[in-house]
Amino acid sequence: MSLKTLVVDDHEAARLGLTELLDGNVVSVTETVADGESALRQLAEQPFDVVLVDVQMKKMDGLALLASIRESHPDLPVVFISAYDYPIYMARAVANGAQDYVLKSDPAATIEQTLSYACSNGAALPNGLLDRLRRKMTETIRAADLPPELPVTPREAQVLRHVAFGLSNREIAASLGISVETVKEHVQNILRKTGASDRTDVAVRAVRLGLVD
C-alpha cells in the first residue's frame, strides 16, 4: 500500500510537479496545500503517513509548521524539501525533529526512498544529507584537534559548532540532549575563553577555522 502523503509548498508549480513526480506505487500524494495553516487543518481532518514540507514558505515556514505538527502529531514523519542544501536549514531541521531532508533536484526514486525510510524507521536515510549532518553535529571533537584560537573543551566545541550553524539555545539543547541552562553556561564559557564579543563573532571565527566543514 502506498504512503498517504501530504505535500506543503507555497508554489503551485512545485505542488503539481511533486504530485506528478511521486505518482507511483511507493508514494501517494493524497493532498497538497499552499501553507502551514491549511496543512494543520488537513492533519486534523484525516490521517497521513508522512508530510513533505517546503522549508521556505511566506505564510508559515517549514520549521514553524514542524513545531506545530510535533505538538499535535509527535510521531508523524516530517521530511523537508528545498531547492537549497544550506547547512543552517538542515541543522535546524535536525534540531527540531525532522526525519529527513531532500532536494527538489533529487530524482523521484531518492525522494520516494527517503519518505519510505522515514515512515518505516522514523529516521533519516543512512548516509543521506540529514544523516551525515546529524552525525557531524553530534560527533565527539578531540581537544587535540582544535586550533589554538579555540581554547575550549570538547563539549564546548560541540556547542560552538551548533552556534556556528545558527541554532538557538533551545535547538542546541534538543540536538545534544542537554538542558537549555547547560547550553547557556557553555556559550558563556566559550565567549569568555575566546574573547568574542557575541555569538555572531564567535560563530564567524568557528566557520573561518573550519569547525563546521
C-alpha atoms as a PDB file:
ATOM      1  CA  MET A   1       0.000   0.000   0.000  1.00  0.00           C
ATOM      2  CA  SER A   2       1.413   3.402  -0.976  1.00  0.00           C
ATOM      3  CA  LEU A   3       2.190   6.051   1.628  1.00  0.00           C
ATOM      4  CA  LYS A   4      -0.500   8.670   2.133  1.00  0.00           C
ATOM      5  CA  THR A   5       1.488  11.871   1.737  1.00  0.00           C
ATOM      6  CA  LEU A   6       0.619  15.497   2.445  1.00  0.00           C
ATOM      7  CA  VAL A   7       2.672  17.959   0.376  1.00  0.00           C
ATOM      8  CA  VAL A   8       3.026  21.501   1.716  1.00  0.00           C
ATOM      9  CA  ASP A   9       4.533  24.085  -0.655  1.00  0.00           C
ATOM     10  CA  ASP A  10       3.509  27.658  -1.402  1.00  0.00           C
ATOM     11  CA  HIS A  11       4.370  27.353  -5.093  1.00  0.00           C
ATOM     12  CA  GLU A  12       1.640  25.785  -7.204  1.00  0.00           C
ATOM     13  CA  ALA A  13       4.127  24.555  -9.809  1.00  0.00           C
ATOM     14  CA  ALA A  14       6.062  22.712  -7.097  1.00  0.00           C
ATOM     15  CA  ARG A  15       2.897  21.078  -5.734  1.00  0.00           C
ATOM     16  CA  LEU A  16       1.810  19.957  -9.181  1.00  0.00           C
ATOM     17  CA  GLY A  17       5.310  18.805 -10.050  1.00  0.00           C
ATOM     18  CA  LEU A  18       5.706  16.735  -6.893  1.00  0.00           C
ATOM     19  CA  THR A  19       2.278  15.176  -7.385  1.00  0.00           C
ATOM     20  CA  GLU A  20       3.270  14.130 -10.898  1.00  0.00           C
ATOM     21  CA  LEU A  21       6.776  13.074  -9.889  1.00  0.00           C
ATOM     22  CA  LEU A  22       5.663  10.917  -6.970  1.00  0.00           C
ATOM     23  CA  ASP A  23       2.634   9.333  -8.610  1.00  0.00           C
ATOM     24  CA  GLY A  24       3.739   5.741  -8.176  1.00  0.00           C
ATOM     25  CA  ASN A  25       3.404   2.615  -6.062  1.00  0.00           C
ATOM     26  CA  VAL A  26       5.537   3.808  -3.144  1.00  0.00           C
ATOM     27  CA  VAL A  27       4.046   7.245  -2.500  1.00  0.00           C
ATOM     28  CA  SER A  28       0.534   8.546  -2.994  1.00  0.00           C
ATOM     29  CA  VAL A  29       0.211  12.338  -2.803  1.00  0.00           C
ATOM     30  CA  THR A  30      -3.182  12.396  -1.118  1.00  0.00           C
ATOM     31  CA  GLU A  31      -3.409  16.160  -0.578  1.00  0.00           C
ATOM     32  CA  THR A  32      -1.397  19.278  -1.429  1.00  0.00           C
ATOM     33  CA  VAL A  33      -1.725  22.622   0.355  1.00  0.00           C
ATOM     34  CA  ALA A  34      -0.095  26.017  -0.013  1.00  0.00           C
ATOM     35  CA  ASP A  35       0.560  26.972   3.612  1.00  0.00           C
ATOM     36  CA  GLY A  36       1.069  25.701   7.118  1.00  0.00           C
ATOM     37  CA  GLU A  37      -2.358  26.606   8.445  1.00  0.00           C
ATOM     38  CA  SER A  38      -4.021  24.586   5.685  1.00  0.00           C
ATOM     39  CA  ALA A  39      -1.651  21.709   6.431  1.00  0.00           C
ATOM     40  CA  LEU A  40      -2.663  21.672  10.091  1.00  0.00           C
ATOM     41  CA  ARG A  41      -6.342  21.610   9.122  1.00  0.00           C
ATOM     42  CA  GLN A  42      -5.741  18.654   6.816  1.00  0.00           C
ATOM     43  CA  LEU A  43      -3.877  16.801   9.560  1.00  0.00           C
ATOM     44  CA  ALA A  44      -6.789  17.373  11.924  1.00  0.00           C
ATOM     45  CA  GLU A  45      -9.279  16.014   9.391  1.00  0.00           C
ATOM     46  CA  GLN A  46      -7.578  12.872   8.080  1.00  0.00           C
ATOM     47  CA  PRO A  47      -4.591  10.605   8.751  1.00  0.00           C
ATOM     48  CA  PHE A  48      -1.385  10.756   6.731  1.00  0.00           C
ATOM     49  CA  ASP A  49       1.679   8.535   6.751  1.00  0.00           C
ATOM     50  CA  VAL A  50       4.166  11.330   6.088  1.00  0.00           C
ATOM     51  CA  VAL A  51       4.321  15.078   5.421  1.00  0.00           C
ATOM     52  CA  LEU A  52       6.635  16.571   2.780  1.00  0.00           C
ATOM     53  CA  VAL A  53       7.208  20.237   3.627  1.00  0.00           C
ATOM     54  CA  ASP A  54       8.953  23.056   1.796  1.00  0.00           C
ATOM     55  CA  VAL A  55      11.446  24.742   4.133  1.00  0.00           C
ATOM     56  CA  GLN A  56      10.859  28.294   2.918  1.00  0.00           C
ATOM     57  CA  MET A  57       7.267  29.469   2.804  1.00  0.00           C
ATOM     58  CA  LYS A  58       5.965  33.009   3.257  1.00  0.00           C
ATOM     59  CA  LYS A  59       2.943  32.481   5.483  1.00  0.00           C
ATOM     60  CA  MET A  60       4.429  29.933   7.891  1.00  0.00           C
ATOM     61  CA  ASP A  61       7.844  28.496   7.180  1.00  0.00           C
ATOM     62  CA  GLY A  62       8.566  24.797   7.349  1.00  0.00           C
ATOM     63  CA  LEU A  63      10.268  24.949  10.736  1.00  0.00           C
ATOM     64  CA  ALA A  64       7.312  26.732  12.340  1.00  0.00           C
ATOM     65  CA  LEU A  65       4.965  24.180  10.808  1.00  0.00           C
ATOM     66  CA  LEU A  66       7.140  21.338  12.097  1.00  0.00           C
ATOM     67  CA  ALA A  67       6.899  22.733  15.635  1.00  0.00           C
ATOM     68  CA  SER A  68       3.091  22.804  15.382  1.00  0.00           C
ATOM     69  CA  ILE A  69       2.959  19.288  13.934  1.00  0.00           C
ATOM     70  CA  ARG A  70       5.101  17.971  16.771  1.00  0.00           C
ATOM     71  CA  GLU A  71       2.617  19.349  19.319  1.00  0.00           C
ATOM     72  CA  SER A  72      -0.377  17.531  17.832  1.00  0.00           C
ATOM     73  CA  HIS A  73       1.270  14.624  15.972  1.00  0.00           C
ATOM     74  CA  PRO A  74       4.576  13.912  17.753  1.00  0.00           C
ATOM     75  CA  ASP A  75       5.294  10.689  15.868  1.00  0.00           C
ATOM     76  CA  LEU A  76       4.246  11.737  12.370  1.00  0.00           C
ATOM     77  CA  PRO A  77       7.238  11.617   9.981  1.00  0.00           C
ATOM     78  CA  VAL A  78       8.071  15.020   8.507  1.00  0.00           C
ATOM     79  CA  VAL A  79      10.527  15.372   5.634  1.00  0.00           C
ATOM     80  CA  PHE A  80      11.723  18.757   4.420  1.00  0.00           C
ATOM     81  CA  ILE A  81      12.184  19.548   0.753  1.00  0.00           C
ATOM     82  CA  SER A  82      14.105  22.517  -0.578  1.00  0.00           C
ATOM     83  CA  ALA A  83      15.892  23.840  -3.627  1.00  0.00           C
ATOM     84  CA  TYR A  84      18.889  24.538  -1.380  1.00  0.00           C
ATOM     85  CA  ASP A  85      21.127  22.365   0.768  1.00  0.00           C
ATOM     86  CA  TYR A  86      22.089  25.195   3.123  1.00  0.00           C
ATOM     87  CA  PRO A  87      23.689  23.709   6.262  1.00  0.00           C
ATOM     88  CA  ILE A  88      21.751  26.072   8.548  1.00  0.00           C
ATOM     89  CA  TYR A  89      18.425  24.814   7.169  1.00  0.00           C
ATOM     90  CA  MET A  90      19.462  21.211   7.622  1.00  0.00           C
ATOM     91  CA  ALA A  91      20.939  21.804  11.078  1.00  0.00           C
ATOM     92  CA  ARG A  92      17.713  23.407  12.253  1.00  0.00           C
ATOM     93  CA  ALA A  93      15.780  20.520  10.698  1.00  0.00           C
ATOM     94  CA  VAL A  94      17.863  18.104  12.776  1.00  0.00           C
ATOM     95  CA  ALA A  95      17.388  20.077  15.990  1.00  0.00           C
ATOM     96  CA  ASN A  96      13.643  20.480  15.510  1.00  0.00           C
ATOM     97  CA  GLY A  97      12.944  16.806  14.890  1.00  0.00           C
ATOM     98  CA  ALA A  98      12.528  16.434  11.131  1.00  0.00           C
ATOM     99  CA  GLN A  99      13.047  12.888   9.918  1.00  0.00           C
ATOM    100  CA  ASP A 100      14.905  13.872   6.750  1.00  0.00           C
ATOM    101  CA  TYR A 101      15.668  16.493   4.110  1.00  0.00           C
ATOM    102  CA  VAL A 102      15.609  16.147   0.335  1.00  0.00           C
ATOM    103  CA  LEU A 103      16.290  18.488  -2.563  1.00  0.00           C
ATOM    104  CA  LYS A 104      13.836  19.431  -5.293  1.00  0.00           C
ATOM    105  CA  SER A 105      16.525  18.393  -7.771  1.00  0.00           C
ATOM    106  CA  ASP A 106      16.687  14.842  -6.359  1.00  0.00           C
ATOM    107  CA  PRO A 107      15.373  12.003  -8.548  1.00  0.00           C
ATOM    108  CA  ALA A 108      11.907  10.674  -7.766  1.00  0.00           C
ATOM    109  CA  ALA A 109      13.426   7.382  -6.598  1.00  0.00           C
ATOM    110  CA  THR A 110      15.546   9.190  -3.986  1.00  0.00           C
ATOM    111  CA  ILE A 111      12.589  11.158  -2.630  1.00  0.00           C
ATOM    112  CA  GLU A 112      10.423   8.032  -2.525  1.00  0.00           C
ATOM    113  CA  GLN A 113      13.141   6.045  -0.767  1.00  0.00           C
ATOM    114  CA  THR A 114      13.610   8.850   1.765  1.00  0.00           C
ATOM    115  CA  LEU A 115       9.890   9.079   2.538  1.00  0.00           C
ATOM    116  CA  SER A 116       9.576   5.323   2.821  1.00  0.00           C
ATOM    117  CA  TYR A 117      12.562   5.037   5.155  1.00  0.00           C
ATOM    118  CA  ALA A 118      11.276   7.896   7.322  1.00  0.00           C
ATOM    119  CA  CYS A 119       7.950   6.090   7.719  1.00  0.00           C
ATOM    120  CA  SER A 120       9.461   2.673   8.392  1.00  0.00           C
ATOM    121  CA  ASN A 121      12.279   3.770  10.700  1.00  0.00           C
ATOM    122  CA  GLY A 122      11.384   7.237  11.955  1.00  0.00           C
ATOM    123  CA  ALA A 123      14.833   8.425  10.947  1.00  0.00           C
ATOM    124  CA  ALA A 124      16.912   9.826   8.125  1.00  0.00           C
ATOM    125  CA  LEU A 125      18.042   7.670   5.230  1.00  0.00           C
ATOM    126  CA  PRO A 126      21.521   6.327   6.107  1.00  0.00           C
ATOM    127  CA  ASN A 127      24.284   8.466   4.612  1.00  0.00           C
ATOM    128  CA  GLY A 128      21.769  10.931   3.211  1.00  0.00           C
ATOM    129  CA  LEU A 129      22.029  14.698   3.612  1.00  0.00           C
ATOM    130  CA  LEU A 130      20.463  14.892   7.056  1.00  0.00           C
ATOM    131  CA  ASP A 131      22.073  11.741   8.393  1.00  0.00           C
ATOM    132  CA  ARG A 132      25.560  12.974   7.527  1.00  0.00           C
ATOM    133  CA  LEU A 133      24.929  16.369   9.080  1.00  0.00           C
ATOM    134  CA  ARG A 134      23.377  14.889  12.226  1.00  0.00           C
ATOM    135  CA  ARG A 135      26.466  12.751  12.756  1.00  0.00           C
ATOM    136  CA  LYS A 136      28.679  15.782  12.144  1.00  0.00           C
ATOM    137  CA  MET A 137      26.776  17.847  14.699  1.00  0.00           C
ATOM    138  CA  THR A 138      26.981  15.256  17.471  1.00  0.00           C
ATOM    139  CA  GLU A 139      30.389  13.707  16.842  1.00  0.00           C
ATOM    140  CA  THR A 140      32.976  13.954  19.600  1.00  0.00           C
ATOM    141  CA  ILE A 141      35.607  16.619  18.984  1.00  0.00           C
ATOM    142  CA  ARG A 142      39.026  15.908  20.473  1.00  0.00           C
ATOM    143  CA  ALA A 143      40.742  18.779  22.258  1.00  0.00           C
ATOM    144  CA  ALA A 144      43.946  17.938  20.375  1.00  0.00           C
ATOM    145  CA  ASP A 145      42.169  18.566  17.063  1.00  0.00           C
ATOM    146  CA  LEU A 146      41.077  22.078  17.973  1.00  0.00           C
ATOM    147  CA  PRO A 147      43.095  25.060  16.762  1.00  0.00           C
ATOM    148  CA  PRO A 148      44.768  27.194  19.453  1.00  0.00           C
ATOM    149  CA  GLU A 149      42.424  30.051  18.529  1.00  0.00           C
ATOM    150  CA  LEU A 150      39.595  27.991  20.043  1.00  0.00           C
ATOM    151  CA  PRO A 151      40.707  27.214  23.624  1.00  0.00           C
ATOM    152  CA  VAL A 152      37.546  25.310  24.553  1.00  0.00           C
ATOM    153  CA  THR A 153      36.684  21.856  25.857  1.00  0.00           C
ATOM    154  CA  PRO A 154      35.418  19.117  23.510  1.00  0.00           C
ATOM    155  CA  ARG A 155      31.841  19.617  24.782  1.00  0.00           C
ATOM    156  CA  GLU A 156      32.113  23.371  24.326  1.00  0.00           C
ATOM    157  CA  ALA A 157      33.397  22.738  20.809  1.00  0.00           C
ATOM    158  CA  GLN A 158      30.245  20.717  20.066  1.00  0.00           C
ATOM    159  CA  VAL A 159      28.106  23.590  21.302  1.00  0.00           C
ATOM    160  CA  LEU A 160      30.190  26.081  19.324  1.00  0.00           C
ATOM    161  CA  ARG A 161      29.652  24.054  16.165  1.00  0.00           C
ATOM    162  CA  HIS A 162      25.900  24.348  16.720  1.00  0.00           C
ATOM    163  CA  VAL A 163      26.233  28.090  17.337  1.00  0.00           C
ATOM    164  CA  ALA A 164      28.128  28.383  14.062  1.00  0.00           C
ATOM    165  CA  PHE A 165      25.221  26.668  12.307  1.00  0.00           C
ATOM    166  CA  GLY A 166      22.959  29.445  13.640  1.00  0.00           C
ATOM    167  CA  LEU A 167      20.993  27.356  16.131  1.00  0.00           C
ATOM    168  CA  SER A 168      19.258  28.838  19.167  1.00  0.00           C
ATOM    169  CA  ASN A 169      19.980  27.637  22.699  1.00  0.00           C
ATOM    170  CA  ARG A 170      16.757  25.616  22.655  1.00  0.00           C
ATOM    171  CA  GLU A 171      17.702  23.946  19.380  1.00  0.00           C
ATOM    172  CA  ILE A 172      21.224  23.192  20.631  1.00  0.00           C
ATOM    173  CA  ALA A 173      19.783  21.635  23.782  1.00  0.00           C
ATOM    174  CA  ALA A 174      17.437  19.441  21.736  1.00  0.00           C
ATOM    175  CA  SER A 175      20.211  18.334  19.388  1.00  0.00           C
ATOM    176  CA  LEU A 176      22.698  17.425  22.127  1.00  0.00           C
ATOM    177  CA  GLY A 177      20.208  16.149  24.708  1.00  0.00           C
ATOM    178  CA  ILE A 178      21.172  18.652  27.388  1.00  0.00           C
ATOM    179  CA  SER A 179      19.281  21.424  29.193  1.00  0.00           C
ATOM    180  CA  VAL A 180      18.946  24.970  27.890  1.00  0.00           C
ATOM    181  CA  GLU A 181      20.628  26.229  31.068  1.00  0.00           C
ATOM    182  CA  THR A 182      23.622  23.984  30.375  1.00  0.00           C
ATOM    183  CA  VAL A 183      23.826  25.353  26.841  1.00  0.00           C
ATOM    184  CA  LYS A 184      23.754  28.924  28.167  1.00  0.00           C
ATOM    185  CA  GLU A 185      26.616  28.092  30.529  1.00  0.00           C
ATOM    186  CA  HIS A 186      28.669  26.570  27.708  1.00  0.00           C
ATOM    187  CA  VAL A 187      28.062  29.583  25.459  1.00  0.00           C
ATOM    188  CA  GLN A 188      29.132  31.973  28.212  1.00  0.00           C
ATOM    189  CA  ASN A 189      32.317  29.946  28.749  1.00  0.00           C
ATOM    190  CA  ILE A 190      33.028  29.931  25.013  1.00  0.00           C
ATOM    191  CA  LEU A 191      32.661  33.708  24.745  1.00  0.00           C
ATOM    192  CA  ARG A 192      34.866  34.238  27.800  1.00  0.00           C
ATOM    193  CA  LYS A 193      37.609  31.852  26.675  1.00  0.00           C
ATOM    194  CA  THR A 194      37.747  33.130  23.092  1.00  0.00           C
ATOM    195  CA  GLY A 195      37.291  36.812  23.949  1.00  0.00           C
ATOM    196  CA  ALA A 196      34.498  37.024  21.369  1.00  0.00           C
ATOM    197  CA  SER A 197      32.073  39.928  21.682  1.00  0.00           C
ATOM    198  CA  ASP A 198      28.943  37.899  20.948  1.00  0.00           C
ATOM    199  CA  ARG A 199      27.568  34.725  19.315  1.00  0.00           C
ATOM    200  CA  THR A 200      27.946  36.111  15.812  1.00  0.00           C
ATOM    201  CA  ASP A 201      31.593  36.973  16.409  1.00  0.00           C
ATOM    202  CA  VAL A 202      32.481  33.522  17.739  1.00  0.00           C
ATOM    203  CA  ALA A 203      30.388  31.801  15.044  1.00  0.00           C
ATOM    204  CA  VAL A 204      32.317  33.603  12.308  1.00  0.00           C
ATOM    205  CA  ARG A 205      35.591  32.548  13.923  1.00  0.00           C
ATOM    206  CA  ALA A 206      34.437  28.928  14.152  1.00  0.00           C
ATOM    207  CA  VAL A 207      33.482  28.880  10.475  1.00  0.00           C
ATOM    208  CA  ARG A 208      36.751  30.507   9.445  1.00  0.00           C
ATOM    209  CA  LEU A 209      38.715  27.941  11.465  1.00  0.00           C
ATOM    210  CA  GLY A 210      36.899  25.010   9.851  1.00  0.00           C
ATOM    211  CA  LEU A 211      34.779  23.797  12.751  1.00  0.00           C
ATOM    212  CA  VAL A 212      31.707  23.318  10.560  1.00  0.00           C
ATOM    213  CA  ASP A 213      33.389  21.838   7.457  1.00  0.00           C
END
